[in-house]
Amino acid sequence: MGLSEIEARIDKACKAASRPREDVQLIAVSKVQPNDRVEAVLRQGHRLFGENKVQEAAAKWPAFKAKYDGVSVHLIGPLQSNKTRQAMELFDAIHTLDRPKLAKTIARLAQEMGTCPDLFIQINTGEEPQKAGVAPSDADGFIADCRGLDLPIKGLMCIPPVDETPSLHFALLQKLAKRNDLPGLSMGMSSDFEQAIAFGATHVRVGSAIFGERTSSA
């Protein structure tokens, strides 16, 4: 499919939703992609990428950031507390803040380091026991606690259950964000990003449709 076709589909979805194109950022999910594929997308001018693992990002992105201006890398996978410092040094945004311990660790390190990436709180909209994220019923309290720690909370993130209509989950995330005056909505992937845009997504995450199928499992 490729980058240009995904961009065209985002343009069309924004027009259908009567939203400015600049309101939606495309995160090119480069996890487990070979460096030559990633560099091909960088050469096309794209500058926003998503990674699932701190270790993989550490091996890949410092060199690319030194070579290409304006690159931004977001963590879209789970973050272990013991890798928080490294993640805060590597990433421009973290989309998977999902528990009080991690919030407190980020707050402490932000004080030490004098800087902090933008943060999105992951909401487990489907309340799936095997999935990370804050339960919708706990979202308001957790957002308030994070703000009390002076964390730069920019928005919410969700990954809908694979066997449910994603628009229901996008609508719930939008409602929670509006109620808490949060502008950012990180939601929508290759199969459903047009629906996510219709419900206000500000960041959509697309991988294999841009880069091709992954060469190994994530």
Protein backbone atom coordinates (compact mmCIF):
# COMPACT_ATOMS: atom_id res chain seq x y z
CA MET A 1 0.00 0.00 0.00
CA GLY A 2 2.61 2.54 1.07
CA LEU A 3 2.85 5.92 2.75
CA SER A 4 1.25 8.01 -0.01
CA GLU A 5 -1.91 5.87 -0.11
CA ILE A 6 -2.32 5.98 3.68
CA GLU A 7 -1.89 9.76 3.60
CA ALA A 8 -4.54 9.99 0.88
CA ARG A 9 -6.94 7.90 2.96
CA ILE A 10 -6.34 10.13 5.98
CA ASP A 11 -7.02 13.21 3.82
CA LYS A 12 -10.30 11.67 2.65
CA ALA A 13 -11.35 10.67 6.19
CA CYS A 14 -10.62 14.17 7.50
CA LYS A 15 -12.72 15.72 4.74
CA ALA A 16 -15.58 13.30 5.47
CA ALA A 17 -15.42 14.26 9.16
CA SER A 18 -15.10 18.00 8.37
CA ARG A 19 -11.80 18.11 10.23
CA PRO A 20 -8.60 19.96 9.24
CA ARG A 21 -5.97 17.53 7.95
CA GLU A 22 -3.36 19.02 10.29
CA ASP A 23 -5.42 17.84 13.29
CA VAL A 24 -4.46 14.21 12.61
CA GLN A 25 -0.91 12.90 12.93
CA LEU A 26 0.14 9.64 11.30
CA ILE A 27 2.39 7.50 13.49
CA ALA A 28 4.28 5.12 11.21
CA VAL A 29 4.68 2.01 13.36
CA SER A 30 8.22 0.88 12.63
CA LYS A 31 8.51 -1.88 15.24
CA VAL A 32 10.26 -5.02 13.96
CA GLN A 33 10.85 -3.40 10.58
CA PRO A 34 14.28 -3.59 8.91
CA ASN A 35 16.26 -0.36 8.89
CA ASP A 36 16.21 -0.10 5.10
CA ARG A 37 12.39 0.00 5.08
CA VAL A 38 12.36 2.61 7.84
CA GLU A 39 14.91 4.74 6.02
CA ALA A 40 12.88 4.53 2.81
CA VAL A 41 9.95 6.13 4.66
CA LEU A 42 12.27 8.76 6.19
CA ARG A 43 13.49 9.60 2.68
CA GLN A 44 9.89 10.23 1.65
CA GLY A 45 9.80 12.97 4.28
CA HIS A 46 7.82 11.27 7.04
CA ARG A 47 9.07 12.16 10.51
CA LEU A 48 6.75 10.60 13.12
CA PHE A 49 7.29 6.96 14.08
CA GLY A 50 6.09 4.52 16.74
CA GLU A 51 7.97 1.77 18.54
CA ASN A 52 6.77 -0.92 20.94
CA LYS A 53 9.98 -1.68 22.81
CA VAL A 54 12.57 0.54 24.45
CA GLN A 55 15.46 -1.75 23.55
CA GLU A 56 14.59 -1.88 19.85
CA ALA A 57 14.17 1.89 19.70
CA ALA A 58 17.52 2.43 21.41
CA ALA A 59 19.25 0.35 18.74
CA LYS A 60 17.53 2.12 15.84
CA TRP A 61 16.61 5.74 16.42
CA PRO A 62 19.64 7.66 17.75
CA ALA A 63 21.44 7.14 14.43
CA PHE A 64 18.39 8.05 12.36
CA LYS A 65 17.76 11.16 14.48
CA ALA A 66 21.36 12.22 13.90
CA LYS A 67 20.96 11.79 10.13
CA TYR A 68 17.44 13.24 9.62
CA ASP A 69 16.14 16.49 11.09
CA GLY A 70 12.81 16.72 12.86
CA VAL A 71 12.31 13.04 13.68
CA SER A 72 9.86 12.28 16.49
CA VAL A 73 9.53 8.80 18.01
CA HIS A 74 6.62 7.73 20.23
CA LEU A 75 6.44 4.70 22.52
CA ILE A 76 3.20 2.85 21.77
CA GLY A 77 3.98 -0.40 23.58
CA PRO A 78 3.95 -1.26 27.30
CA LEU A 79 6.59 0.35 29.51
CA GLN A 80 8.26 -1.50 32.37
CA SER A 81 9.05 0.73 35.34
CA ASN A 82 12.74 -0.23 35.29
CA LYS A 83 13.07 1.10 31.71
CA THR A 84 11.36 4.41 32.40
CA ARG A 85 14.49 6.59 32.44
CA GLN A 86 15.74 5.17 29.16
CA ALA A 87 12.28 5.62 27.62
CA MET A 88 12.12 9.24 28.75
CA GLU A 89 15.50 9.89 27.15
CA LEU A 90 14.56 8.18 23.86
CA PHE A 91 10.94 9.08 23.17
CA ASP A 92 9.18 12.34 22.43
CA ALA A 93 5.87 10.91 23.68
CA ILE A 94 4.72 7.87 25.65
CA HIS A 95 1.23 6.59 24.82
CA THR A 96 1.04 3.83 27.43
CA LEU A 97 0.90 5.41 30.88
CA ASP A 98 -1.36 2.87 32.57
CA ARG A 99 -0.76 2.59 36.32
CA PRO A 100 0.01 4.68 39.42
CA LYS A 101 3.49 3.22 39.97
CA LEU A 102 4.57 4.23 36.47
CA ALA A 103 3.07 7.70 36.88
CA LYS A 104 5.02 8.25 40.10
CA THR A 105 8.24 6.97 38.52
CA ILE A 106 7.85 9.30 35.54
CA ALA A 107 7.10 12.23 37.87
CA ARG A 108 10.20 11.56 39.97
CA LEU A 109 12.45 11.22 36.94
CA ALA A 110 10.96 14.32 35.31
CA GLN A 111 11.99 16.30 38.38
CA GLU A 112 15.51 14.85 38.20
CA MET A 113 15.92 15.26 34.46
CA GLY A 114 14.14 18.60 34.10
CA THR A 115 12.16 17.32 31.13
CA CYS A 116 9.38 14.88 30.32
CA PRO A 117 7.93 13.44 27.12
CA ASP A 118 4.30 14.14 26.26
CA LEU A 119 2.09 11.53 27.91
CA PHE A 120 -1.06 9.69 26.89
CA ILE A 121 -2.99 7.55 29.37
CA GLN A 122 -3.91 4.12 28.05
CA ILE A 123 -7.56 3.26 28.72
CA ASN A 124 -8.64 -0.38 28.62
CA THR A 125 -11.96 0.46 26.97
CA GLY A 126 -12.92 -3.20 26.58
CA GLU A 127 -11.98 -3.97 30.20
CA GLU A 128 -10.04 -6.99 28.95
CA PRO A 129 -8.20 -8.70 31.83
CA GLN A 130 -5.19 -9.60 29.68
CA LYS A 131 -4.72 -6.06 28.38
CA ALA A 132 -2.97 -3.11 30.00
CA GLY A 133 -4.75 0.15 30.65
CA VAL A 134 -6.85 2.02 33.15
CA ALA A 135 -10.48 0.89 33.48
CA PRO A 136 -12.93 3.50 32.13
CA SER A 137 -14.52 3.82 35.57
CA ASP A 138 -11.11 4.72 37.05
CA ALA A 139 -10.08 7.11 34.28
CA ASP A 140 -11.23 10.40 35.82
CA GLY A 141 -9.46 9.70 39.10
CA PHE A 142 -6.26 8.54 37.44
CA ILE A 143 -6.16 11.59 35.17
CA ALA A 144 -6.59 13.84 38.22
CA ASP A 145 -3.82 12.00 40.09
CA CYS A 146 -1.45 12.40 37.13
CA ARG A 147 -2.21 16.08 36.90
CA GLY A 148 -1.53 16.32 40.61
CA LEU A 149 1.95 14.98 39.87
CA ASP A 150 2.44 17.79 37.29
CA LEU A 151 2.69 15.28 34.47
CA PRO A 152 2.17 16.61 30.91
CA ILE A 153 -0.93 14.57 30.06
CA LYS A 154 -1.84 15.34 26.45
CA GLY A 155 -4.55 12.78 25.83
CA LEU A 156 -5.84 9.22 25.99
CA MET A 157 -5.03 6.07 24.04
CA CYS A 158 -6.92 2.83 23.43
CA ILE A 159 -6.66 -0.47 21.56
CA PRO A 160 -10.19 -1.82 21.01
CA PRO A 161 -10.87 -5.56 21.42
CA VAL A 162 -10.34 -7.38 18.14
CA ASP A 163 -13.82 -8.92 18.14
CA GLU A 164 -15.84 -5.80 18.90
CA THR A 165 -16.95 -2.80 16.85
CA PRO A 166 -14.10 -0.30 17.24
CA SER A 167 -16.31 2.77 16.89
CA LEU A 168 -17.94 2.01 20.26
CA HIS A 169 -14.53 2.18 21.91
CA PHE A 170 -13.49 5.30 19.98
CA ALA A 171 -16.70 6.99 21.14
CA LEU A 172 -16.00 6.05 24.76
CA LEU A 173 -12.42 7.37 24.59
CA GLN A 174 -13.65 10.60 23.01
CA LYS A 175 -16.21 11.02 25.80
CA LEU A 176 -13.61 10.46 28.53
CA ALA A 177 -11.19 12.91 26.90
CA LYS A 178 -13.82 15.62 26.50
CA ARG A 179 -14.95 15.22 30.09
CA ASN A 180 -11.37 15.77 31.27
CA ASP A 181 -10.44 18.55 28.81
CA LEU A 182 -7.80 16.46 27.07
CA PRO A 183 -7.19 17.28 23.40
CA GLY A 184 -5.28 14.16 22.31
CA LEU A 185 -6.85 10.89 21.15
CA SER A 186 -4.40 8.16 20.14
CA MET A 187 -6.63 5.58 18.49
CA GLY A 188 -7.07 3.80 15.19
CA MET A 189 -4.81 1.37 13.37
CA SER A 190 -4.51 0.03 9.83
CA SER A 191 -7.96 -1.57 9.73
CA ASP A 192 -9.99 1.16 11.42
CA PHE A 193 -8.20 4.52 11.36
CA GLU A 194 -10.87 6.16 9.20
CA GLN A 195 -13.47 5.35 11.87
CA ALA A 196 -11.12 6.70 14.53
CA ILE A 197 -10.74 9.98 12.64
CA ALA A 198 -14.53 10.31 12.52
CA PHE A 199 -14.51 10.10 16.34
CA GLY A 200 -11.78 12.70 16.79
CA ALA A 201 -8.49 10.77 16.65
CA THR A 202 -5.48 13.07 16.72
CA HIS A 203 -2.90 10.26 16.33
CA VAL A 204 -3.45 7.14 14.22
CA ARG A 205 -1.01 4.22 14.28
CA VAL A 206 -0.32 2.43 10.99
CA GLY A 207 2.46 -0.11 10.43
CA SER A 208 2.44 -2.89 7.85
CA ALA A 209 0.25 -0.93 5.42
CA ILE A 210 3.14 1.54 5.16
CA PHE A 211 6.20 -0.68 5.52
CA GLY A 212 4.97 -4.10 4.38
CA GLU A 213 4.47 -7.17 6.55
CA ARG A 214 6.75 -7.46 9.55
CA THR A 215 9.73 -9.74 9.24
CA SER A 216 9.31 -11.25 12.71
CA SER A 217 6.74 -11.31 15.49
CA ALA A 218 6.52 -8.37 17.85
